[in-house]
Full PDB file with SEQRES, HELIX, SHEET, SSBOND, CRYST1, ORIGX, SCALE, CONECT and MASTER records, all heavy atoms in Angstrom:
SEQRES   1 A   33  ARG LEU GLY PRO LEU GLU ALA VAL LEU SER SER ARG GLY          
SEQRES   2 A   33  HIS GLY ILE VAL SER LEU GLU LEU ALA PHE SER ARG GLY          
SEQRES   3 A   33  ARG PHE GLU ARG ILE ILE ALA                                  
HELIX    1 AA1 LEU A    2  SER A   10  1                                   9    
HELIX    2 AA2 ILE A   16  GLU A   20  1                                   5    
HELIX    3 AA3 ARG A   25  ILE A   32  1                                   8    
CRYST1    1.000    1.000    1.000  90.00  90.00  90.00 P 1           1          
ORIGX1      1.000000  0.000000  0.000000        0.00000                         
ORIGX2      0.000000  1.000000  0.000000        0.00000                         
ORIGX3      0.000000  0.000000  1.000000        0.00000                         
SCALE1      1.000000  0.000000  0.000000        0.00000                         
SCALE2      0.000000  1.000000  0.000000        0.00000                         
SCALE3      0.000000  0.000000  1.000000        0.00000                         
ATOM      1  N   ARG A   1      -7.163   1.480 -15.312  1.00  0.00           N  
ATOM      2  CA  ARG A   1      -5.925   1.953 -14.696  1.00  0.00           C  
ATOM      3  C   ARG A   1      -5.819   1.617 -13.216  1.00  0.00           C  
ATOM      4  O   ARG A   1      -4.859   1.014 -12.779  1.00  0.00           O  
ATOM      5  CB  ARG A   1      -5.776   3.467 -14.889  1.00  0.00           C  
ATOM      6  CG  ARG A   1      -5.730   3.920 -16.322  1.00  0.00           C  
ATOM      7  CD  ARG A   1      -4.618   3.306 -17.166  1.00  0.00           C  
ATOM      8  NE  ARG A   1      -3.326   3.471 -16.547  1.00  0.00           N  
ATOM      9  CZ  ARG A   1      -2.301   2.631 -16.709  1.00  0.00           C  
ATOM     10  NH1 ARG A   1      -2.410   1.599 -17.483  1.00  0.00           N  
ATOM     11  NH2 ARG A   1      -1.158   2.835 -16.103  1.00  0.00           N  
ATOM     12  N   LEU A   2      -6.782   2.075 -12.426  1.00  0.00           N  
ATOM     13  CA  LEU A   2      -6.659   1.960 -10.973  1.00  0.00           C  
ATOM     14  C   LEU A   2      -6.717   0.517 -10.481  1.00  0.00           C  
ATOM     15  O   LEU A   2      -5.938   0.127  -9.611  1.00  0.00           O  
ATOM     16  CB  LEU A   2      -7.730   2.812 -10.287  1.00  0.00           C  
ATOM     17  CG  LEU A   2      -7.607   4.314 -10.528  1.00  0.00           C  
ATOM     18  CD1 LEU A   2      -8.839   5.047 -10.018  1.00  0.00           C  
ATOM     19  CD2 LEU A   2      -6.351   4.869  -9.903  1.00  0.00           C  
ATOM     20  N   GLY A   3      -7.621  -0.265 -11.021  1.00  0.00           N  
ATOM     21  CA  GLY A   3      -7.746  -1.666 -10.607  1.00  0.00           C  
ATOM     22  C   GLY A   3      -6.477  -2.473 -10.865  1.00  0.00           C  
ATOM     23  O   GLY A   3      -5.990  -3.164  -9.966  1.00  0.00           O  
ATOM     24  N   PRO A   4      -5.929  -2.416 -12.083  1.00  0.00           N  
ATOM     25  CA  PRO A   4      -4.682  -3.153 -12.337  1.00  0.00           C  
ATOM     26  C   PRO A   4      -3.521  -2.691 -11.450  1.00  0.00           C  
ATOM     27  O   PRO A   4      -2.720  -3.519 -10.992  1.00  0.00           O  
ATOM     28  CB  PRO A   4      -4.396  -2.866 -13.813  1.00  0.00           C  
ATOM     29  CG  PRO A   4      -5.749  -2.608 -14.410  1.00  0.00           C  
ATOM     30  CD  PRO A   4      -6.505  -1.889 -13.326  1.00  0.00           C  
ATOM     31  N   LEU A   5      -3.428  -1.396 -11.202  1.00  0.00           N  
ATOM     32  CA  LEU A   5      -2.368  -0.908 -10.305  1.00  0.00           C  
ATOM     33  C   LEU A   5      -2.608  -1.388  -8.877  1.00  0.00           C  
ATOM     34  O   LEU A   5      -1.667  -1.764  -8.170  1.00  0.00           O  
ATOM     35  CB  LEU A   5      -2.287   0.623 -10.362  1.00  0.00           C  
ATOM     36  CG  LEU A   5      -1.754   1.186 -11.679  1.00  0.00           C  
ATOM     37  CD1 LEU A   5      -2.022   2.685 -11.776  1.00  0.00           C  
ATOM     38  CD2 LEU A   5      -0.273   0.875 -11.852  1.00  0.00           C  
ATOM     39  N   GLU A   6      -3.873  -1.414  -8.455  1.00  0.00           N  
ATOM     40  CA  GLU A   6      -4.210  -1.933  -7.127  1.00  0.00           C  
ATOM     41  C   GLU A   6      -3.841  -3.415  -7.015  1.00  0.00           C  
ATOM     42  O   GLU A   6      -3.370  -3.874  -5.971  1.00  0.00           O  
ATOM     43  CB  GLU A   6      -5.702  -1.731  -6.828  1.00  0.00           C  
ATOM     44  CG  GLU A   6      -6.146  -2.216  -5.469  1.00  0.00           C  
ATOM     45  CD  GLU A   6      -5.529  -1.449  -4.313  1.00  0.00           C  
ATOM     46  OE1 GLU A   6      -5.073  -0.302  -4.490  1.00  0.00           O  
ATOM     47  OE2 GLU A   6      -5.503  -2.021  -3.199  1.00  0.00           O  
ATOM     48  N   ALA A   7      -4.017  -4.156  -8.100  1.00  0.00           N  
ATOM     49  CA  ALA A   7      -3.647  -5.582  -8.093  1.00  0.00           C  
ATOM     50  C   ALA A   7      -2.145  -5.753  -7.873  1.00  0.00           C  
ATOM     51  O   ALA A   7      -1.713  -6.672  -7.154  1.00  0.00           O  
ATOM     52  CB  ALA A   7      -4.079  -6.237  -9.402  1.00  0.00           C  
ATOM     53  N   VAL A   8      -1.344  -4.883  -8.469  1.00  0.00           N  
ATOM     54  CA  VAL A   8       0.110  -4.929  -8.260  1.00  0.00           C  
ATOM     55  C   VAL A   8       0.425  -4.703  -6.783  1.00  0.00           C  
ATOM     56  O   VAL A   8       1.226  -5.425  -6.184  1.00  0.00           O  
ATOM     57  CB  VAL A   8       0.832  -3.870  -9.137  1.00  0.00           C  
ATOM     58  CG1 VAL A   8       2.302  -3.746  -8.755  1.00  0.00           C  
ATOM     59  CG2 VAL A   8       0.687  -4.208 -10.611  1.00  0.00           C  
ATOM     60  N   LEU A   9      -0.220  -3.714  -6.187  1.00  0.00           N  
ATOM     61  CA  LEU A   9       0.032  -3.397  -4.776  1.00  0.00           C  
ATOM     62  C   LEU A   9      -0.444  -4.523  -3.864  1.00  0.00           C  
ATOM     63  O   LEU A   9       0.297  -4.966  -2.973  1.00  0.00           O  
ATOM     64  CB  LEU A   9      -0.661  -2.084  -4.405  1.00  0.00           C  
ATOM     65  CG  LEU A   9      -0.257  -0.849  -5.201  1.00  0.00           C  
ATOM     66  CD1 LEU A   9      -1.077   0.351  -4.761  1.00  0.00           C  
ATOM     67  CD2 LEU A   9       1.225  -0.581  -5.068  1.00  0.00           C  
ATOM     68  N   SER A  10      -1.654  -4.987  -4.081  1.00  0.00           N  
ATOM     69  CA  SER A  10      -2.223  -6.039  -3.231  1.00  0.00           C  
ATOM     70  C   SER A  10      -1.419  -7.327  -3.308  1.00  0.00           C  
ATOM     71  O   SER A  10      -1.296  -8.051  -2.316  1.00  0.00           O  
ATOM     72  CB  SER A  10      -3.671  -6.304  -3.618  1.00  0.00           C  
ATOM     73  OG  SER A  10      -4.449  -5.159  -3.368  1.00  0.00           O  
ATOM     74  N   SER A  11      -0.860  -7.622  -4.481  1.00  0.00           N  
ATOM     75  CA  SER A  11      -0.064  -8.842  -4.622  1.00  0.00           C  
ATOM     76  C   SER A  11       1.221  -8.767  -3.796  1.00  0.00           C  
ATOM     77  O   SER A  11       1.865  -9.775  -3.555  1.00  0.00           O  
ATOM     78  CB  SER A  11       0.279  -9.100  -6.092  1.00  0.00           C  
ATOM     79  OG  SER A  11       1.225  -8.153  -6.564  1.00  0.00           O  
ATOM     80  N   ARG A  12       1.572  -7.568  -3.357  1.00  0.00           N  
ATOM     81  CA  ARG A  12       2.750  -7.369  -2.519  1.00  0.00           C  
ATOM     82  C   ARG A  12       2.371  -7.129  -1.055  1.00  0.00           C  
ATOM     83  O   ARG A  12       3.166  -6.623  -0.276  1.00  0.00           O  
ATOM     84  CB  ARG A  12       3.586  -6.215  -3.070  1.00  0.00           C  
ATOM     85  CG  ARG A  12       4.287  -6.612  -4.349  1.00  0.00           C  
ATOM     86  CD  ARG A  12       4.810  -5.421  -5.134  1.00  0.00           C  
ATOM     87  NE  ARG A  12       5.660  -5.864  -6.238  1.00  0.00           N  
ATOM     88  CZ  ARG A  12       5.229  -6.395  -7.353  1.00  0.00           C  
ATOM     89  NH1 ARG A  12       3.946  -6.583  -7.526  1.00  0.00           N  
ATOM     90  NH2 ARG A  12       6.061  -6.767  -8.303  1.00  0.00           N  
ATOM     91  N   GLY A  13       1.130  -7.449  -0.705  1.00  0.00           N  
ATOM     92  CA  GLY A  13       0.726  -7.464   0.695  1.00  0.00           C  
ATOM     93  C   GLY A  13      -0.111  -6.305   1.197  1.00  0.00           C  
ATOM     94  O   GLY A  13      -0.681  -6.395   2.277  1.00  0.00           O  
ATOM     95  N   HIS A  14      -0.191  -5.206   0.452  1.00  0.00           N  
ATOM     96  CA  HIS A  14      -0.946  -4.039   0.927  1.00  0.00           C  
ATOM     97  C   HIS A  14      -1.563  -3.314  -0.256  1.00  0.00           C  
ATOM     98  O   HIS A  14      -0.887  -3.066  -1.245  1.00  0.00           O  
ATOM     99  CB  HIS A  14      -0.039  -3.039   1.654  1.00  0.00           C  
ATOM    100  CG  HIS A  14       0.837  -3.635   2.691  1.00  0.00           C  
ATOM    101  ND1 HIS A  14       0.410  -3.885   3.976  1.00  0.00           N  
ATOM    102  CD2 HIS A  14       2.134  -4.041   2.642  1.00  0.00           C  
ATOM    103  CE1 HIS A  14       1.402  -4.412   4.673  1.00  0.00           C  
ATOM    104  NE2 HIS A  14       2.456  -4.521   3.877  1.00  0.00           N  
ATOM    105  N   GLY A  15      -2.818  -2.928  -0.117  1.00  0.00           N  
ATOM    106  CA  GLY A  15      -3.441  -2.070  -1.118  1.00  0.00           C  
ATOM    107  C   GLY A  15      -3.130  -0.612  -0.821  1.00  0.00           C  
ATOM    108  O   GLY A  15      -2.521  -0.284   0.205  1.00  0.00           O  
ATOM    109  N   ILE A  16      -3.565   0.258  -1.692  1.00  0.00           N  
ATOM    110  CA  ILE A  16      -3.284   1.687  -1.541  1.00  0.00           C  
ATOM    111  C   ILE A  16      -3.933   2.253  -0.285  1.00  0.00           C  
ATOM    112  O   ILE A  16      -3.390   3.160   0.350  1.00  0.00           O  
ATOM    113  CB  ILE A  16      -3.690   2.496  -2.803  1.00  0.00           C  
ATOM    114  CG1 ILE A  16      -3.056   3.893  -2.784  1.00  0.00           C  
ATOM    115  CG2 ILE A  16      -5.201   2.605  -2.930  1.00  0.00           C  
ATOM    116  CD1 ILE A  16      -1.583   3.924  -3.024  1.00  0.00           C  
ATOM    117  N   VAL A  17      -5.084   1.709   0.120  1.00  0.00           N  
ATOM    118  CA  VAL A  17      -5.761   2.219   1.317  1.00  0.00           C  
ATOM    119  C   VAL A  17      -4.890   1.999   2.552  1.00  0.00           C  
ATOM    120  O   VAL A  17      -4.878   2.830   3.465  1.00  0.00           O  
ATOM    121  CB  VAL A  17      -7.163   1.598   1.477  1.00  0.00           C  
ATOM    122  CG1 VAL A  17      -7.810   2.003   2.792  1.00  0.00           C  
ATOM    123  CG2 VAL A  17      -8.054   2.013   0.308  1.00  0.00           C  
ATOM    124  N   SER A  18      -4.133   0.921   2.585  1.00  0.00           N  
ATOM    125  CA  SER A  18      -3.216   0.699   3.709  1.00  0.00           C  
ATOM    126  C   SER A  18      -2.205   1.834   3.816  1.00  0.00           C  
ATOM    127  O   SER A  18      -1.887   2.289   4.919  1.00  0.00           O  
ATOM    128  CB  SER A  18      -2.466  -0.625   3.541  1.00  0.00           C  
ATOM    129  OG  SER A  18      -3.352  -1.705   3.579  1.00  0.00           O  
ATOM    130  N   LEU A  19      -1.713   2.282   2.679  1.00  0.00           N  
ATOM    131  CA  LEU A  19      -0.758   3.389   2.687  1.00  0.00           C  
ATOM    132  C   LEU A  19      -1.455   4.693   3.060  1.00  0.00           C  
ATOM    133  O   LEU A  19      -0.931   5.487   3.844  1.00  0.00           O  
ATOM    134  CB  LEU A  19      -0.073   3.522   1.326  1.00  0.00           C  
ATOM    135  CG  LEU A  19       1.123   4.464   1.285  1.00  0.00           C  
ATOM    136  CD1 LEU A  19       2.290   3.886   2.093  1.00  0.00           C  
ATOM    137  CD2 LEU A  19       1.553   4.738  -0.142  1.00  0.00           C  
ATOM    138  N   GLU A  20      -2.645   4.904   2.499  1.00  0.00           N  
ATOM    139  CA  GLU A  20      -3.397   6.122   2.807  1.00  0.00           C  
ATOM    140  C   GLU A  20      -3.663   6.246   4.309  1.00  0.00           C  
ATOM    141  O   GLU A  20      -3.651   7.344   4.852  1.00  0.00           O  
ATOM    142  CB  GLU A  20      -4.731   6.124   2.056  1.00  0.00           C  
ATOM    143  CG  GLU A  20      -4.607   6.281   0.567  1.00  0.00           C  
ATOM    144  CD  GLU A  20      -5.928   6.095  -0.166  1.00  0.00           C  
ATOM    145  OE1 GLU A  20      -6.920   5.652   0.445  1.00  0.00           O  
ATOM    146  OE2 GLU A  20      -5.959   6.391  -1.365  1.00  0.00           O  
ATOM    147  N   LEU A  21      -3.914   5.126   4.956  1.00  0.00           N  
ATOM    148  CA  LEU A  21      -4.251   5.124   6.380  1.00  0.00           C  
ATOM    149  C   LEU A  21      -3.099   4.621   7.247  1.00  0.00           C  
ATOM    150  O   LEU A  21      -3.323   4.077   8.331  1.00  0.00           O  
ATOM    151  CB  LEU A  21      -5.513   4.284   6.613  1.00  0.00           C  
ATOM    152  CG  LEU A  21      -6.779   4.789   5.919  1.00  0.00           C  
ATOM    153  CD1 LEU A  21      -7.932   3.812   6.108  1.00  0.00           C  
ATOM    154  CD2 LEU A  21      -7.156   6.179   6.417  1.00  0.00           C  
ATOM    155  N   ALA A  22      -1.877   4.809   6.802  1.00  0.00           N  
ATOM    156  CA  ALA A  22      -0.705   4.356   7.561  1.00  0.00           C  
ATOM    157  C   ALA A  22      -0.594   5.095   8.894  1.00  0.00           C  
ATOM    158  O   ALA A  22      -0.225   4.505   9.911  1.00  0.00           O  
ATOM    159  CB  ALA A  22       0.565   4.552   6.736  1.00  0.00           C  
ATOM    160  N   PHE A  23      -0.848   6.374   8.925  1.00  0.00           N  
ATOM    161  CA  PHE A  23      -0.814   7.256  10.092  1.00  0.00           C  
ATOM    162  C   PHE A  23       0.562   7.441  10.732  1.00  0.00           C  
ATOM    163  O   PHE A  23       0.778   8.421  11.416  1.00  0.00           O  
ATOM    164  CB  PHE A  23      -1.825   6.839  11.177  1.00  0.00           C  
ATOM    165  CG  PHE A  23      -3.214   7.292  10.885  1.00  0.00           C  
ATOM    166  CD1 PHE A  23      -4.154   6.415  10.367  1.00  0.00           C  
ATOM    167  CD2 PHE A  23      -3.596   8.600  11.112  1.00  0.00           C  
ATOM    168  CE1 PHE A  23      -5.447   6.840  10.092  1.00  0.00           C  
ATOM    169  CE2 PHE A  23      -4.877   9.041  10.833  1.00  0.00           C  
ATOM    170  CZ  PHE A  23      -5.816   8.145  10.322  1.00  0.00           C  
ATOM    171  N   SER A  24       1.486   6.522  10.556  1.00  0.00           N  
ATOM    172  CA  SER A  24       2.814   6.698  11.151  1.00  0.00           C  
ATOM    173  C   SER A  24       3.899   6.482  10.098  1.00  0.00           C  
ATOM    174  O   SER A  24       3.709   5.742   9.129  1.00  0.00           O  
ATOM    175  CB  SER A  24       3.034   5.723  12.304  1.00  0.00           C  
ATOM    176  OG  SER A  24       3.229   4.405  11.815  1.00  0.00           O  
ATOM    177  N   ARG A  25       5.010   7.111  10.331  1.00  0.00           N  
ATOM    178  CA  ARG A  25       6.148   6.985   9.430  1.00  0.00           C  
ATOM    179  C   ARG A  25       6.616   5.526   9.351  1.00  0.00           C  
ATOM    180  O   ARG A  25       6.902   5.012   8.271  1.00  0.00           O  
ATOM    181  CB  ARG A  25       7.280   7.887   9.920  1.00  0.00           C  
ATOM    182  CG  ARG A  25       8.511   7.811   9.082  1.00  0.00           C  
ATOM    183  CD  ARG A  25       9.598   8.707   9.633  1.00  0.00           C  
ATOM    184  NE  ARG A  25      10.762   8.608   8.781  1.00  0.00           N  
ATOM    185  CZ  ARG A  25      11.744   9.452   8.799  1.00  0.00           C  
ATOM    186  NH1 ARG A  25      11.738  10.458   9.648  1.00  0.00           N  
ATOM    187  NH2 ARG A  25      12.769   9.293   7.993  1.00  0.00           N  
ATOM    188  N   GLY A  26       6.673   4.859  10.505  1.00  0.00           N  
ATOM    189  CA  GLY A  26       7.122   3.465  10.537  1.00  0.00           C  
ATOM    190  C   GLY A  26       6.248   2.550   9.700  1.00  0.00           C  
ATOM    191  O   GLY A  26       6.739   1.731   8.928  1.00  0.00           O  
ATOM    192  N   ARG A  27       4.945   2.675   9.858  1.00  0.00           N  
ATOM    193  CA  ARG A  27       4.014   1.837   9.069  1.00  0.00           C  
ATOM    194  C   ARG A  27       4.139   2.172   7.589  1.00  0.00           C  
ATOM    195  O   ARG A  27       4.157   1.277   6.746  1.00  0.00           O  
ATOM    196  CB  ARG A  27       2.580   2.031   9.547  1.00  0.00           C  
ATOM    197  CG  ARG A  27       1.571   1.249   8.726  1.00  0.00           C  
ATOM    198  CD  ARG A  27       0.469   0.671   9.563  1.00  0.00           C  
ATOM    199  NE  ARG A  27      -0.605   0.152   8.749  1.00  0.00           N  
ATOM    200  CZ  ARG A  27      -0.570  -1.003   8.074  1.00  0.00           C  
ATOM    201  NH1 ARG A  27       0.502  -1.756   8.139  1.00  0.00           N  
ATOM    202  NH2 ARG A  27      -1.596  -1.400   7.357  1.00  0.00           N  
ATOM    203  N   PHE A  28       4.227   3.447   7.242  1.00  0.00           N  
ATOM    204  CA  PHE A  28       4.406   3.877   5.862  1.00  0.00           C  
ATOM    205  C   PHE A  28       5.663   3.223   5.277  1.00  0.00           C  
ATOM    206  O   PHE A  28       5.621   2.652   4.182  1.00  0.00           O  
ATOM    207  CB  PHE A  28       4.512   5.413   5.814  1.00  0.00           C  
ATOM    208  CG  PHE A  28       4.510   5.994   4.427  1.00  0.00           C  
ATOM    209  CD1 PHE A  28       3.333   6.440   3.855  1.00  0.00           C  
ATOM    210  CD2 PHE A  28       5.680   6.113   3.698  1.00  0.00           C  
ATOM    211  CE1 PHE A  28       3.325   6.998   2.580  1.00  0.00           C  
ATOM    212  CE2 PHE A  28       5.688   6.662   2.427  1.00  0.00           C  
ATOM    213  CZ  PHE A  28       4.508   7.101   1.870  1.00  0.00           C  
ATOM    214  N   GLU A  29       6.755   3.286   5.995  1.00  0.00           N  
ATOM    215  CA  GLU A  29       8.026   2.723   5.509  1.00  0.00           C  
ATOM    216  C   GLU A  29       7.957   1.202   5.369  1.00  0.00           C  
ATOM    217  O   GLU A  29       8.537   0.638   4.434  1.00  0.00           O  
ATOM    218  CB  GLU A  29       9.169   3.143   6.426  1.00  0.00           C  
ATOM    219  CG  GLU A  29       9.500   4.619   6.293  1.00  0.00           C  
ATOM    220  CD  GLU A  29      10.505   5.123   7.325  1.00  0.00           C  
ATOM    221  OE1 GLU A  29      10.668   4.479   8.392  1.00  0.00           O  
ATOM    222  OE2 GLU A  29      11.123   6.178   7.051  1.00  0.00           O  
ATOM    223  N   ARG A  30       7.249   0.515   6.288  1.00  0.00           N  
ATOM    224  CA  ARG A  30       7.098  -0.950   6.181  1.00  0.00           C  
ATOM    225  C   ARG A  30       6.310  -1.327   4.921  1.00  0.00           C  
ATOM    226  O   ARG A  30       6.648  -2.287   4.228  1.00  0.00           O  
ATOM    227  CB  ARG A  30       6.425  -1.521   7.427  1.00  0.00           C  
ATOM    228  CG  ARG A  30       7.361  -1.652   8.619  1.00  0.00           C  
ATOM    229  CD  ARG A  30       6.753  -2.438   9.770  1.00  0.00           C  
ATOM    230  NE  ARG A  30       5.545  -1.852  10.327  1.00  0.00           N  
ATOM    231  CZ  ARG A  30       5.520  -0.843  11.198  1.00  0.00           C  
ATOM    232  NH1 ARG A  30       6.641  -0.303  11.612  1.00  0.00           N  
ATOM    233  NH2 ARG A  30       4.371  -0.390  11.667  1.00  0.00           N  
ATOM    234  N   ILE A  31       5.254  -0.573   4.637  1.00  0.00           N  
ATOM    235  CA  ILE A  31       4.444  -0.851   3.436  1.00  0.00           C  
ATOM    236  C   ILE A  31       5.296  -0.655   2.186  1.00  0.00           C  
ATOM    237  O   ILE A  31       5.293  -1.504   1.285  1.00  0.00           O  
ATOM    238  CB  ILE A  31       3.180   0.037   3.409  1.00  0.00           C  
ATOM    239  CG1 ILE A  31       2.234  -0.372   4.544  1.00  0.00           C  
ATOM    240  CG2 ILE A  31       2.482  -0.045   2.056  1.00  0.00           C  
ATOM    241  CD1 ILE A  31       1.097   0.598   4.799  1.00  0.00           C  
ATOM    242  N   ILE A  32       6.029   0.447   2.127  1.00  0.00           N  
ATOM    243  CA  ILE A  32       6.889   0.727   0.976  1.00  0.00           C  
ATOM    244  C   ILE A  32       7.948  -0.369   0.825  1.00  0.00           C  
ATOM    245  O   ILE A  32       8.232  -0.820  -0.291  1.00  0.00           O  
ATOM    246  CB  ILE A  32       7.561   2.121   1.123  1.00  0.00           C  
ATOM    247  CG1 ILE A  32       6.517   3.218   1.112  1.00  0.00           C  
ATOM    248  CG2 ILE A  32       8.595   2.364   0.036  1.00  0.00           C  
ATOM    249  CD1 ILE A  32       5.695   3.298  -0.144  1.00  0.00           C  
ATOM    250  N   ALA A  33       8.514  -0.814   1.937  1.00  0.00           N  
ATOM    251  CA  ALA A  33       9.521  -1.883   1.880  1.00  0.00           C  
ATOM    252  C   ALA A  33       8.903  -3.174   1.350  1.00  0.00           C  
ATOM    253  O   ALA A  33       9.513  -3.872   0.531  1.00  0.00           O  
ATOM    254  CB  ALA A  33      10.127  -2.102   3.266  1.00  0.00           C  
TER     255      ALA A  33                                                      
MASTER        0    0    0    3    0    0    0    6  254    1    0    3          
END                                                                             
């Protein structure tokens, strides 16, 4: 489960850890975009 979902995220430029450690609203929103 987790690895394949991580592959989807990483293929779009950011893994889940990037979101976990976003620290700011702006960075969070850029990752989501």
